[in-house]
């Protein structure tokens, strides 16, 4: 009886979310605007964590996404997801990790697809991590649209970067982000569950595509805005991600993929213009 009631309650919540997506988006956008420092970190958007050459070739890590990836609540990019994940992966593998970040506050999946994916091959990554958080909800993405966009992003990265591991991080832990008022927080959390389910359906059908955890919303792990990770939050998240990602890494270096698809054509057109 209890499980039937839980399923019924979830079903009701799912039906309630769809017509309220605009309200949810407006409320979350307002919270982020009021509470955030409003700027991405300073400093270089790339760096190297040195390791032991005898443990394997250098790992080239590329992190893509919005302010969740970029670290709007930390002072430098080296202390955001890319830099701290590089350190965590280096600690686990004892290999050098060269990291780079392609990020912008407020970026959408469509912008990531059209502006960033065609140029990823220039970084010659061995591993790509994509973190798109609250902006997906703010953009009022339906699960079907989110699945379609992620499919296009993954397929585009496969064409430009080959069969390297691609990591999609889960939606933020909205249910625990107290900066977002109720009942919007509860409704947004239901929407986040639906979006994560759509993302998992993409990863299940593709080799070397991993659905990984999001950051924690505990005391000390969130920045001043109450929504994005703090320095300690990125460190904890990076340590967990490194544990999830490390088994997917091999000692093989980046191998240029076959060319000829739409993203390759876009690269060639841009280069010749």
Protein backbone atom coordinates (compact mmCIF):
# COMPACT_ATOMS: atom_id res chain seq x y z
CA UNK A 1 0.00 0.00 0.00
CA UNK A 2 2.81 2.39 0.90
CA UNK A 3 4.61 1.90 -2.42
CA UNK A 4 1.36 2.39 -4.34
CA UNK A 5 0.72 5.66 -2.49
CA UNK A 6 4.28 6.81 -3.21
CA UNK A 7 3.89 6.04 -6.92
CA UNK A 8 0.56 7.86 -6.98
CA UNK A 9 2.06 10.91 -5.29
CA UNK A 10 4.99 10.94 -7.73
CA UNK A 11 2.64 10.60 -10.68
CA UNK A 12 0.62 13.58 -9.43
CA UNK A 13 3.80 15.63 -8.94
CA UNK A 14 5.01 14.82 -12.44
CA UNK A 15 1.70 15.96 -13.94
CA UNK A 16 1.83 19.14 -11.87
CA UNK A 17 5.33 20.13 -12.95
CA UNK A 18 4.77 20.51 -16.70
CA UNK A 19 2.41 23.54 -16.66
CA UNK A 20 4.47 25.19 -13.88
CA UNK A 21 7.84 25.08 -15.66
CA UNK A 22 7.70 28.82 -16.42
CA UNK A 23 7.09 29.71 -12.75
CA UNK A 24 9.85 27.36 -11.61
CA UNK A 25 12.28 28.89 -14.09
CA UNK A 26 11.45 32.45 -13.03
CA UNK A 27 11.85 31.68 -9.34
CA UNK A 28 15.20 29.89 -9.74
CA UNK A 29 16.53 32.62 -12.04
CA UNK A 30 15.54 35.20 -9.44
CA UNK A 31 17.32 33.35 -6.62
CA UNK A 32 20.52 33.00 -8.64
CA UNK A 33 20.43 36.65 -9.66
CA UNK A 34 19.89 37.89 -6.09
CA UNK A 35 22.39 35.62 -4.35
CA UNK A 36 25.22 35.02 -6.83
CA UNK A 37 28.43 36.99 -7.05
CA UNK A 38 27.53 37.24 -10.74
CA UNK A 39 30.94 36.42 -12.21
CA UNK A 40 32.95 33.37 -13.12
CA UNK A 41 36.34 32.84 -11.45
CA UNK A 42 39.53 34.57 -12.51
CA UNK A 43 42.83 33.11 -13.66
CA UNK A 44 43.79 30.71 -16.47
CA UNK A 45 41.16 28.39 -17.90
CA UNK A 46 43.69 25.59 -18.25
CA UNK A 47 46.49 24.01 -16.28
CA UNK A 48 48.50 20.84 -15.57
CA UNK A 49 48.67 18.56 -12.55
CA UNK A 50 52.02 16.76 -12.70
CA UNK A 51 52.26 13.01 -12.26
CA UNK A 52 54.63 10.09 -12.74
CA UNK A 53 55.39 9.47 -16.47
CA UNK A 54 55.98 5.80 -15.67
CA UNK A 55 52.32 5.44 -14.65
CA UNK A 56 51.00 6.23 -18.12
CA UNK A 57 50.59 9.06 -20.62
CA UNK A 58 49.14 12.41 -19.74
CA UNK A 59 45.35 12.60 -19.40
CA UNK A 60 43.76 15.53 -21.21
CA UNK A 61 40.59 16.57 -19.35
CA UNK A 62 38.03 18.94 -20.86
CA UNK A 63 35.18 20.27 -18.69
CA UNK A 64 32.21 21.93 -20.43
CA UNK A 65 29.08 23.55 -19.08
CA UNK A 66 27.53 26.45 -17.24
CA UNK A 67 28.41 28.14 -13.95
CA UNK A 68 28.08 24.80 -12.15
CA UNK A 69 31.08 23.64 -14.16
CA UNK A 70 32.82 27.01 -14.11
CA UNK A 71 32.61 27.75 -10.41
CA UNK A 72 30.78 31.06 -9.96
CA UNK A 73 31.34 30.96 -6.18
CA UNK A 74 35.09 30.21 -6.12
CA UNK A 75 37.99 32.62 -6.80
CA UNK A 76 39.90 30.81 -9.57
CA UNK A 77 39.22 28.20 -12.25
CA UNK A 78 41.88 25.99 -10.67
CA UNK A 79 39.56 25.68 -7.64
CA UNK A 80 36.46 24.93 -9.71
CA UNK A 81 35.44 21.56 -11.13
CA UNK A 82 38.09 21.29 -13.84
CA UNK A 83 41.13 22.07 -11.70
CA UNK A 84 40.03 20.06 -8.68
CA UNK A 85 38.91 17.07 -10.76
CA UNK A 86 42.30 17.08 -12.47
CA UNK A 87 43.97 16.91 -9.05
CA UNK A 88 41.67 14.11 -7.93
CA UNK A 89 42.24 12.08 -11.11
CA UNK A 90 45.97 12.65 -10.83
CA UNK A 91 45.89 11.38 -7.27
CA UNK A 92 44.02 8.23 -8.28
CA UNK A 93 45.98 7.39 -11.43
CA UNK A 94 49.35 8.98 -10.55
CA UNK A 95 49.39 10.26 -14.14
CA UNK A 96 49.72 13.89 -15.23
CA UNK A 97 46.39 15.56 -16.00
CA UNK A 98 46.17 18.54 -18.34
CA UNK A 99 42.85 20.31 -17.84
CA UNK A 100 40.91 22.92 -19.79
CA UNK A 101 37.48 24.43 -19.33
CA UNK A 102 34.89 25.68 -21.82
CA UNK A 103 32.22 27.37 -19.77
CA UNK A 104 29.97 30.38 -19.54
CA UNK A 105 27.34 31.40 -17.02
CA UNK A 106 23.83 30.84 -18.32
CA UNK A 107 24.92 28.59 -21.18
CA UNK A 108 22.24 26.30 -22.60
CA UNK A 109 22.55 22.86 -24.15
CA UNK A 110 21.87 24.34 -27.58
CA UNK A 111 24.70 26.86 -27.21
CA UNK A 112 27.02 24.10 -26.01
CA UNK A 113 26.10 22.07 -29.06
CA UNK A 114 26.45 24.78 -31.67
CA UNK A 115 29.28 26.94 -30.25
CA UNK A 116 31.55 24.58 -28.31
CA UNK A 117 31.21 21.00 -29.56
CA UNK A 118 32.62 21.68 -33.06
CA UNK A 119 35.83 23.07 -31.52
CA UNK A 120 36.48 20.39 -28.88
CA UNK A 121 38.86 18.44 -31.10
CA UNK A 122 41.35 21.31 -30.84
CA UNK A 123 41.83 20.37 -27.16
CA UNK A 124 42.54 16.72 -28.09
CA UNK A 125 40.75 15.48 -24.95
CA UNK A 126 41.00 11.99 -23.48
CA UNK A 127 38.01 12.67 -21.23
CA UNK A 128 35.10 15.14 -21.39
CA UNK A 129 32.91 16.09 -18.43
CA UNK A 130 29.68 18.00 -19.10
CA UNK A 131 27.94 19.82 -16.24
CA UNK A 132 24.73 21.63 -17.13
CA UNK A 133 22.68 22.33 -14.04
CA UNK A 134 19.86 24.71 -13.14
CA UNK A 135 20.01 26.42 -16.55
CA UNK A 136 18.38 23.36 -18.09
CA UNK A 137 15.42 23.87 -15.76
CA UNK A 138 15.47 27.64 -16.27
CA UNK A 139 15.32 27.00 -20.03
CA UNK A 140 12.15 24.98 -19.33
CA UNK A 141 13.51 21.88 -21.00
CA UNK A 142 11.12 18.95 -21.21
CA UNK A 143 12.66 15.49 -20.62
CA UNK A 144 12.10 14.64 -24.29
CA UNK A 145 13.87 17.80 -25.46
CA UNK A 146 16.70 17.25 -22.98
CA UNK A 147 17.19 13.68 -24.22
CA UNK A 148 17.24 14.87 -27.83
CA UNK A 149 19.79 17.62 -27.09
CA UNK A 150 22.07 15.33 -25.08
CA UNK A 151 21.94 12.77 -27.88
CA UNK A 152 23.05 15.43 -30.38
CA UNK A 153 25.81 16.64 -28.03
CA UNK A 154 27.17 13.13 -27.44
CA UNK A 155 26.99 12.25 -31.14
CA UNK A 156 28.73 15.51 -32.03
CA UNK A 157 31.51 14.86 -29.51
CA UNK A 158 31.91 11.33 -30.84
CA UNK A 159 32.44 12.73 -34.31
CA UNK A 160 34.91 15.43 -33.27
CA UNK A 161 36.76 13.62 -30.46
CA UNK A 162 36.36 9.88 -31.07
CA UNK A 163 35.43 7.11 -28.63
CA UNK A 164 36.73 8.80 -25.49
CA UNK A 165 34.81 8.66 -22.18
CA UNK A 166 32.07 11.30 -21.92
CA UNK A 167 30.68 12.05 -18.46
CA UNK A 168 27.28 13.70 -17.92
CA UNK A 169 26.78 14.95 -14.38
CA UNK A 170 23.39 14.72 -12.72
CA UNK A 171 21.17 17.71 -12.07
CA UNK A 172 22.04 19.75 -8.95
CA UNK A 173 20.61 18.55 -5.60
CA UNK A 174 17.74 21.02 -5.87
CA UNK A 175 15.67 19.33 -3.16
CA UNK A 176 18.34 20.37 -0.63
CA UNK A 177 19.09 23.86 -1.93
CA UNK A 178 17.36 25.92 0.75
CA UNK A 179 18.09 29.17 -1.09
CA UNK A 180 15.27 28.17 -3.45
CA UNK A 181 11.93 28.71 -1.70
CA UNK A 182 9.18 26.14 -1.35
CA UNK A 183 7.06 24.97 -3.09
CA UNK A 184 9.18 25.86 -6.13
CA UNK A 185 12.11 23.84 -4.75
CA UNK A 186 10.02 20.66 -4.47
CA UNK A 187 8.55 21.09 -7.95
CA UNK A 188 11.97 21.82 -9.46
CA UNK A 189 13.36 18.72 -7.74
CA UNK A 190 10.70 16.58 -9.42
CA UNK A 191 11.62 18.12 -12.76
CA UNK A 192 15.31 17.39 -12.06
CA UNK A 193 14.47 13.71 -11.46
CA UNK A 194 12.69 13.57 -14.82
CA UNK A 195 15.61 15.23 -16.61
CA UNK A 196 18.10 12.83 -15.02
CA UNK A 197 16.01 9.87 -16.14
CA UNK A 198 16.13 11.21 -19.70
CA UNK A 199 19.92 11.59 -19.47
CA UNK A 200 20.32 8.02 -18.20
CA UNK A 201 18.41 6.74 -21.22
CA UNK A 202 21.07 8.40 -23.40
CA UNK A 203 24.00 6.89 -21.49
CA UNK A 204 22.53 3.36 -21.51
CA UNK A 205 22.57 3.24 -25.30
CA UNK A 206 26.15 4.47 -25.81
CA UNK A 207 29.52 3.00 -25.05
CA UNK A 208 31.84 4.97 -22.75
CA UNK A 209 29.14 7.50 -21.81
CA UNK A 210 28.72 7.74 -18.05
CA UNK A 211 26.06 9.35 -15.87
CA UNK A 212 27.86 10.62 -12.76
CA UNK A 213 26.84 12.17 -9.46
CA UNK A 214 26.21 15.82 -8.71
CA UNK A 215 27.64 17.87 -5.86
CA UNK A 216 26.41 17.68 -2.27
CA UNK A 217 24.31 20.33 -0.56
CA UNK A 218 25.72 20.15 2.96
CA UNK A 219 27.05 22.79 5.33
CA UNK A 220 30.35 24.12 4.01
CA UNK A 221 29.90 22.55 0.58
CA UNK A 222 27.90 25.46 -0.90
CA UNK A 223 29.11 28.96 -1.79
CA UNK A 224 27.57 32.26 -0.65
CA UNK A 225 24.68 32.00 -3.12
CA UNK A 226 23.47 28.78 -1.49
CA UNK A 227 23.23 27.05 -4.89
CA UNK A 228 26.71 26.49 -6.35
CA UNK A 229 29.55 24.51 -4.72
CA UNK A 230 32.16 26.16 -2.54
CA UNK A 231 35.88 25.33 -2.83
CA UNK A 232 35.33 22.48 -0.36
CA UNK A 233 32.24 21.43 -2.28
CA UNK A 234 34.16 21.15 -5.55
CA UNK A 235 36.91 19.18 -3.79
CA UNK A 236 34.41 16.66 -2.39
CA UNK A 237 32.52 16.42 -5.69
CA UNK A 238 35.76 15.97 -7.64
CA UNK A 239 36.91 13.18 -5.34
CA UNK A 240 33.66 11.27 -5.91
CA UNK A 241 33.73 11.90 -9.66
CA UNK A 242 37.32 10.69 -9.88
CA UNK A 243 36.27 7.42 -8.26
CA UNK A 244 33.44 7.01 -10.77
CA UNK A 245 35.50 8.01 -13.81
CA UNK A 246 38.86 6.33 -13.16
CA UNK A 247 37.73 2.83 -14.25
CA UNK A 248 36.83 4.25 -17.68
CA UNK A 249 40.33 5.61 -18.30
CA UNK A 250 42.95 3.58 -20.12
CA UNK A 251 46.61 4.24 -20.84
CA UNK A 252 45.91 4.96 -24.50
CA UNK A 253 46.47 8.54 -25.64
CA UNK A 254 44.05 10.60 -27.72
CA UNK A 255 43.53 9.27 -31.25
CA UNK A 256 42.04 11.60 -33.87
CA UNK A 257 38.58 10.37 -34.94
CA UNK A 258 37.41 9.77 -38.47
CA UNK A 259 36.26 12.93 -40.21
CA UNK A 260 33.45 13.72 -42.60
CA UNK A 261 30.31 14.50 -40.57
CA UNK A 262 28.52 17.80 -40.00
CA UNK A 263 30.78 19.00 -37.19
CA UNK A 264 33.89 18.34 -39.25
CA UNK A 265 32.32 20.30 -42.10
CA UNK A 266 31.67 23.19 -39.73
CA UNK A 267 35.30 23.16 -38.65
CA UNK A 268 36.54 23.18 -42.22
CA UNK A 269 34.18 26.00 -43.20
CA UNK A 270 35.29 28.11 -40.23
CA UNK A 271 38.95 27.49 -40.95
CA UNK A 272 38.61 28.51 -44.60
CA UNK A 273 36.55 31.65 -43.93
